Structures are given as structure tokens and as C-alpha cells.
Amino acid sequence: MSHAVPLTTGMEPRPGFRLRQVLGRGGFAEVWEAETSSGDSVALKFMSCNDSLAAAKEIRALEGIRKLQHPNLIRIHQVWCIPGYIVIAMELADGSLLDLYDAYQEEFRTPILAEQVCLHLMQAAEGIDFMNAHQHMIDGRRVGFQHCDIKPSNLLLFDDDTVKVADFGLASPTCSVMRAHLRAGTLDYAAPEVFQGRLSDWTDQYALAITYCQLRGGRFPFRDTPPNFQRAYTRPAPDLTMLSERERPIVARALAPVPQDRWPTCSDFMSRLSKTVLD
């Protein structure tokens, strides 16, 4: 692939898509709001990629994810390449759960109310469980998908209070409950098996539990997360003192070091937590 084209307001990375404003930038991608030829607003994610073979592989993987249709998964409209980028056109959200957390911190100096966290993460859990279930036919195989990067900034919020899981760049198909996998994702949310170079059917649940701790209690349950993936690192027992005594055993099970000891599904985890919080 040739050198990346500069992204500027007003340009058309593809006929029918005009860039309006940048919404966010990260180390390997940036997201823009764009207007379509029909006047609709969409989000365009530009993922840096200068290798044609890698781009083809990534697009193939994203096309598989694109087939997954669920009310709590962000809709991917199109995927294509331009020089230097893979471009993903998707629904435009109003913000993320991280934005909501920051708003609470700025206005009230507190984390998000427990009831609201449960309402939002229950929706996320349903989307994650749909991805995780070994029910999707991809290339003649029945697979599940682990998202591999569940965190507040990847849980998008719409104006009707719907939450949708987004950013499938690290999503990985799974045919078994445990398999070898590259160490990747966001370190603060990574499960113990990820540090060991493995992926389980419960890896996303672990990240969802850490997300709950952050949104509900204002901090992570681990204070010693290393700056990079180290095979020798072992997660200690989580510090859940930011939660009530009734919440702690439920979250502790979702953070069990042995994946099979966690809740059967993310929805089971959030249902039990919601019942405890709301009772």
C-alpha cells in the first residue's frame, strides 16, 4: 500500500462520504464524523495499515464480524481500503461509557450510580454473550468471537440510552474454550490467561468485571499492572473495597484467575449483580 493520504475536514475518502470533524485519535487509528450523500451522519474509523496482505486479512476478519447482527453490537456498514488506511463505516454514537464516567467526575466528583452502571453493562453483556456464543458460521466453521478489548471507551452510548459494543479490531474467532493467542488488548483490563498467551471463553467477562469496578467504584481492582505484557506476571487477588460487601463476591467470581470458575456468561454475571444492587 502507498503512503497514507492526509485526513482533512471536507475530504471524501470514498464517494458519498464527506469528513466533518475528528472525534478521536489513538496510537493506530482515528475516528471521524462523516456525512453521507443522503445526509446521514456516520462514524468512519481509519486504521493505519501500510501492508497490503495485512490489510486484506484484516478486512476479511472485519467482514466476518460485520455479519453479526445484534441490538447491542455497533452496526458496521462498509469496510474498504484507501492508501495507508483500512476504513470502517459504522453507526455514529453520542459518546461512550468512558465519556459518561468523565462527565460524572466533572459534575458530581463521583463515579456513575450503581443502578445506571448495571443498566448499561447489562446491555453490553447481552451483546458480548451473542459474540461469544459458538453459533456463528465463518468459513464453514461454527465459532464464537472474543472481543479482546472490552473497556468503557469501547462501549458506546446512544441518545435512547442504548449501549452497543464497538471496536472489533482485536476480535478473535474461537472454536474451543481455551486456545493459544497473541498477547494483545488493553493491559488494565486483561485477564490472567491473556498474559500467558491464551484466550478463553470467559476472557471478555473478566474485562467487563474490571469495567464495572472502574465505572462503579472509580478505580481498577489491580494496582500493579505492568506497562507491557509479561508472561511472568500473575494477577494478585483483586482489591474490591471500592464496592459494597454485597457486590464483592459477585465481581470476585467474574475475576477468578481460572476462567472456568467465572460466571457461565456475562449476562449471568450482570443479572446477579443487578439484582443485588437493585434489591
Protein backbone atom coordinates (compact mmCIF):
# COMPACT_ATOMS: atom_id res chain seq x y z
CA MET A 1 0.00 0.00 0.00
CA SER A 2 1.17 3.53 -0.74
CA HIS A 3 1.77 6.36 1.73
CA ALA A 4 -1.22 7.37 3.84
CA VAL A 5 -3.36 10.18 2.48
CA PRO A 6 -3.84 13.15 4.84
CA LEU A 7 -7.25 13.26 6.50
CA THR A 8 -8.81 16.72 6.48
CA THR A 9 -12.24 18.25 7.01
CA GLY A 10 -14.25 18.25 3.80
CA MET A 11 -12.34 15.49 2.02
CA GLU A 12 -14.09 12.43 0.61
CA PRO A 13 -12.23 9.21 1.46
CA ARG A 14 -14.82 7.50 -0.74
CA PRO A 15 -17.52 8.94 -2.97
CA GLY A 16 -20.56 9.59 -0.82
CA PHE A 17 -18.66 10.12 2.45
CA ARG A 18 -17.51 13.64 3.37
CA LEU A 19 -15.47 14.19 6.55
CA ARG A 20 -16.95 16.68 9.02
CA GLN A 21 -14.84 16.57 12.18
CA VAL A 22 -12.40 14.34 14.01
CA LEU A 23 -13.94 12.59 17.03
CA GLY A 24 -10.87 10.94 18.48
CA ARG A 25 -7.32 9.84 17.81
CA GLY A 26 -5.31 6.92 19.18
CA GLY A 27 -1.95 5.33 18.51
CA PHE A 28 -3.06 3.38 15.46
CA ALA A 29 -6.40 4.87 14.43
CA GLU A 30 -8.57 7.95 14.32
CA VAL A 31 -12.34 8.31 14.15
CA TRP A 32 -14.18 10.98 12.15
CA GLU A 33 -17.78 12.04 11.86
CA ALA A 34 -18.80 11.99 8.21
CA GLU A 35 -21.87 12.91 6.18
CA THR A 36 -23.18 10.54 3.54
CA SER A 37 -24.64 11.56 0.18
CA SER A 38 -28.11 11.02 1.67
CA GLY A 39 -27.37 13.48 4.51
CA ASP A 40 -26.97 10.86 7.25
CA SER A 41 -24.19 11.04 9.83
CA VAL A 42 -21.86 8.08 10.29
CA ALA A 43 -18.59 7.37 12.04
CA LEU A 44 -15.53 6.49 9.96
CA LYS A 45 -12.65 4.74 11.68
CA PHE A 46 -9.30 4.97 9.91
CA MET A 47 -6.93 2.20 10.98
CA SER A 48 -3.31 2.68 9.94
CA CYS A 49 -2.09 -0.10 7.64
CA ASN A 50 0.73 0.00 5.09
CA ASP A 51 0.85 -3.71 4.30
CA SER A 52 -1.47 -4.96 1.55
CA LEU A 53 -1.51 -8.55 2.79
CA ALA A 54 -2.21 -7.48 6.37
CA ALA A 55 -4.96 -5.17 5.13
CA ALA A 56 -6.62 -7.96 3.15
CA LYS A 57 -6.52 -10.25 6.19
CA GLU A 58 -7.95 -7.55 8.47
CA ILE A 59 -10.76 -6.72 6.06
CA ARG A 60 -11.65 -10.40 5.77
CA ALA A 61 -11.86 -10.63 9.59
CA LEU A 62 -13.97 -7.46 9.82
CA GLU A 63 -16.34 -8.73 7.16
CA GLY A 64 -16.94 -11.78 9.38
CA ILE A 65 -17.73 -9.51 12.34
CA ARG A 66 -19.93 -7.37 10.13
CA LYS A 67 -22.27 -10.34 9.67
CA LEU A 68 -23.05 -10.38 13.40
CA GLN A 69 -26.34 -8.57 13.94
CA HIS A 70 -27.46 -7.75 17.48
CA PRO A 71 -29.13 -4.71 19.09
CA ASN A 72 -26.11 -4.26 21.39
CA LEU A 73 -23.39 -4.54 18.76
CA ILE A 74 -22.45 -1.48 16.71
CA ARG A 75 -23.54 -1.83 13.08
CA ILE A 76 -20.71 -1.86 10.55
CA HIS A 77 -21.96 -0.50 7.22
CA GLN A 78 -18.91 -0.89 4.99
CA VAL A 79 -15.20 -1.73 5.12
CA TRP A 80 -12.68 -0.63 2.50
CA CYS A 81 -9.08 0.50 1.93
CA ILE A 82 -7.50 3.80 0.93
CA PRO A 83 -3.75 4.44 0.81
CA GLY A 84 -2.39 3.90 4.32
CA TYR A 85 -5.69 3.02 5.98
CA ILE A 86 -8.41 0.46 6.45
CA VAL A 87 -11.68 2.39 6.73
CA ILE A 88 -14.70 1.20 8.70
CA ALA A 89 -18.03 2.98 8.28
CA MET A 90 -20.35 2.43 11.25
CA GLU A 91 -23.15 3.90 13.34
CA LEU A 92 -22.43 7.25 14.94
CA ALA A 93 -22.89 7.16 18.73
CA ASP A 94 -23.40 10.08 21.11
CA GLY A 95 -20.45 9.06 23.28
CA SER A 96 -19.03 6.20 25.30
CA LEU A 97 -19.36 4.97 28.86
CA LEU A 98 -15.95 6.49 29.50
CA ASP A 99 -17.36 9.87 28.42
CA LEU A 100 -20.27 9.34 30.81
CA TYR A 101 -17.87 8.47 33.64
CA ASP A 102 -15.81 11.60 32.94
CA ALA A 103 -18.99 13.71 32.98
CA TYR A 104 -19.95 12.29 36.39
CA GLN A 105 -16.46 13.02 37.70
CA GLU A 106 -16.53 16.58 36.40
CA GLU A 107 -20.05 17.46 37.57
CA PHE A 108 -20.54 15.37 40.72
CA ARG A 109 -16.99 14.26 41.66
CA THR A 110 -18.28 10.69 41.92
CA PRO A 111 -18.35 7.52 39.81
CA ILE A 112 -21.56 6.58 37.99
CA LEU A 113 -24.51 5.45 40.13
CA ALA A 114 -24.58 1.68 40.60
CA GLU A 115 -28.09 1.33 39.14
CA GLN A 116 -27.06 3.15 35.99
CA VAL A 117 -23.87 1.13 35.60
CA CYS A 118 -25.87 -2.08 35.85
CA LEU A 119 -28.41 -0.85 33.30
CA HIS A 120 -25.68 -0.03 30.80
CA LEU A 121 -23.45 -3.05 31.37
CA MET A 122 -26.38 -5.48 31.23
CA GLN A 123 -26.89 -4.34 27.64
CA ALA A 124 -23.18 -4.70 26.92
CA ALA A 125 -23.26 -8.19 28.45
CA GLU A 126 -26.01 -9.26 26.06
CA GLY A 127 -24.01 -8.08 23.06
CA ILE A 128 -20.84 -9.75 24.35
CA ASP A 129 -22.64 -13.04 25.00
CA PHE A 130 -24.01 -13.01 21.47
CA MET A 131 -20.46 -12.58 20.14
CA ASN A 132 -19.02 -15.19 22.49
CA ALA A 133 -21.55 -17.93 21.72
CA HIS A 134 -20.25 -20.66 19.41
CA GLN A 135 -23.07 -20.13 16.94
CA HIS A 136 -21.60 -18.13 14.05
CA MET A 137 -20.76 -19.85 10.76
CA ILE A 138 -17.49 -18.46 9.40
CA ASP A 139 -15.73 -20.24 6.52
CA GLY A 140 -17.70 -23.39 7.20
CA ARG A 141 -16.84 -23.45 10.91
CA ARG A 142 -19.12 -22.75 13.85
CA VAL A 143 -17.25 -20.25 16.02
CA GLY A 144 -17.65 -17.76 18.81
CA PHE A 145 -15.82 -14.43 18.98
CA GLN A 146 -13.95 -12.96 21.90
CA HIS A 147 -13.88 -9.18 21.61
CA CYS A 148 -10.49 -8.99 23.37
CA ASP A 149 -10.71 -5.28 24.22
CA ILE A 150 -13.80 -4.68 26.37
CA LYS A 151 -13.45 -1.38 28.22
CA PRO A 152 -15.57 1.76 28.81
CA SER A 153 -14.33 3.60 25.70
CA ASN A 154 -15.44 0.68 23.50
CA LEU A 155 -18.97 0.61 24.95
CA LEU A 156 -20.85 3.29 23.03
CA LEU A 157 -23.90 5.15 24.27
CA PHE A 158 -26.80 6.37 22.14
CA ASP A 159 -29.38 9.05 22.97
CA ASP A 160 -32.07 6.47 23.81
CA ASP A 161 -29.75 5.03 26.50
CA THR A 162 -28.86 2.03 24.34
CA VAL A 163 -25.32 0.69 24.81
CA LYS A 164 -23.51 -1.03 21.95
CA VAL A 165 -20.19 -2.85 21.90
CA ALA A 166 -17.77 -1.37 19.35
CA ASP A 167 -14.18 -1.56 18.07
CA PHE A 168 -13.70 -5.12 16.82
CA GLY A 169 -10.10 -4.68 15.69
CA LEU A 170 -8.82 -7.34 18.10
CA ALA A 171 -11.84 -9.68 17.95
CA SER A 172 -10.79 -13.29 17.53
CA PRO A 173 -12.79 -16.39 16.48
CA THR A 174 -12.73 -19.31 18.91
CA CYS A 175 -13.65 -22.96 18.37
CA SER A 176 -12.68 -24.22 21.83
CA VAL A 177 -12.97 -22.96 25.40
CA MET A 178 -9.24 -22.21 25.57
CA ARG A 179 -6.63 -21.63 22.88
CA ALA A 180 -3.26 -20.02 22.26
CA HIS A 181 -3.46 -16.36 21.33
CA LEU A 182 -1.27 -13.31 20.91
CA ARG A 183 -0.89 -11.13 23.98
CA ALA A 184 -2.93 -8.11 22.98
CA GLY A 185 -5.52 -5.70 24.30
CA THR A 186 -5.55 -3.01 26.98
CA LEU A 187 -3.40 -4.10 29.91
CA ASP A 188 -5.58 -2.74 32.71
CA TYR A 189 -8.49 -4.91 31.52
CA ALA A 190 -6.55 -8.02 30.51
CA ALA A 191 -7.38 -11.40 32.04
CA PRO A 192 -4.66 -13.60 33.55
CA GLU A 193 -4.79 -16.03 30.62
CA VAL A 194 -4.00 -13.20 28.19
CA PHE A 195 -0.70 -12.59 29.99
CA GLN A 196 0.02 -16.30 29.47
CA GLY A 197 -0.63 -16.07 25.72
CA ARG A 198 -4.06 -17.73 25.84
CA LEU A 199 -7.67 -16.83 25.19
CA SER A 200 -10.69 -18.37 26.90
CA ASP A 201 -14.46 -18.25 26.51
CA TRP A 202 -14.52 -16.07 29.64
CA THR A 203 -11.80 -13.54 28.74
CA ASP A 204 -14.30 -10.81 27.86
CA GLN A 205 -16.19 -11.37 31.11
CA TYR A 206 -13.03 -10.59 33.07
CA ALA A 207 -12.65 -7.27 31.24
CA LEU A 208 -16.33 -6.48 31.82
CA ALA A 209 -15.85 -7.01 35.57
CA ILE A 210 -12.91 -4.60 35.62
CA THR A 211 -15.04 -2.13 33.64
CA TYR A 212 -17.71 -2.40 36.35
CA CYS A 213 -15.14 -1.66 39.06
CA GLN A 214 -13.93 1.42 37.21
CA LEU A 215 -17.34 2.88 36.38
CA ARG A 216 -18.93 1.97 39.71
CA GLY A 217 -16.01 2.46 42.09
CA GLY A 218 -13.72 4.90 40.33
CA ARG A 219 -10.60 2.75 40.13
CA PHE A 220 -9.15 -0.54 38.93
CA PRO A 221 -9.03 -3.60 41.21
CA PHE A 222 -5.33 -4.10 40.48
CA ARG A 223 -2.62 -1.58 41.25
CA ASP A 224 0.39 -3.49 39.91
CA THR A 225 -0.50 -3.97 36.23
CA PRO A 226 2.80 -3.89 34.29
CA PRO A 227 3.39 -1.44 31.40
CA ASN A 228 3.55 -4.29 28.89
CA PHE A 229 2.54 -7.93 28.57
CA GLN A 230 4.88 -10.04 30.72
CA ARG A 231 4.40 -13.79 30.79
CA ALA A 232 5.79 -13.99 34.32
CA TYR A 233 3.19 -11.54 35.68
CA THR A 234 0.43 -13.03 37.86
CA ARG A 235 -2.68 -11.10 38.74
CA PRO A 236 -2.98 -10.78 42.54
CA ALA A 237 -6.27 -11.10 44.39
CA PRO A 238 -8.41 -8.12 43.34
CA ASP A 239 -8.91 -5.21 45.72
CA LEU A 240 -12.68 -4.73 45.61
CA THR A 241 -13.01 -2.35 48.54
CA MET A 242 -14.45 0.28 46.17
CA LEU A 243 -17.62 -1.87 46.06
CA SER A 244 -20.19 -2.75 48.69
CA GLU A 245 -19.81 -6.02 50.57
CA ARG A 246 -22.77 -7.49 48.69
CA GLU A 247 -21.23 -6.73 45.30
CA ARG A 248 -17.75 -8.06 46.05
CA PRO A 249 -18.29 -11.85 45.86
CA ILE A 250 -20.20 -11.48 42.58
CA VAL A 251 -17.45 -9.43 40.97
CA ALA A 252 -14.74 -11.61 42.54
CA ARG A 253 -16.17 -14.66 40.76
CA ALA A 254 -16.03 -12.81 37.41
CA LEU A 255 -12.38 -12.05 38.23
CA ALA A 256 -11.48 -15.64 39.12
CA PRO A 257 -7.95 -16.50 37.91
CA VAL A 258 -9.19 -19.81 36.47
CA PRO A 259 -11.51 -18.94 33.54
CA GLN A 260 -13.86 -21.88 34.11
CA ASP A 261 -14.53 -20.63 37.66
CA ARG A 262 -16.14 -17.43 36.37
CA TRP A 263 -19.84 -16.96 35.67
CA PRO A 264 -21.23 -19.07 32.79
CA THR A 265 -21.98 -15.91 30.77
CA CYS A 266 -21.64 -12.15 31.05
CA SER A 267 -25.43 -11.89 31.34
CA ASP A 268 -25.42 -14.28 34.30
CA PHE A 269 -22.81 -12.08 35.95
CA MET A 270 -24.63 -8.80 35.33
CA SER A 271 -28.05 -10.23 36.19
CA ARG A 272 -26.83 -11.34 39.60
CA LEU A 273 -25.10 -8.01 40.15
CA SER A 274 -28.16 -6.02 39.07
CA LYS A 275 -30.42 -7.98 41.39
CA THR A 276 -28.05 -7.33 44.30
CA VAL A 277 -27.73 -3.62 43.56
CA LEU A 278 -31.44 -3.03 42.99
CA ASP A 279 -32.78 -5.09 45.92
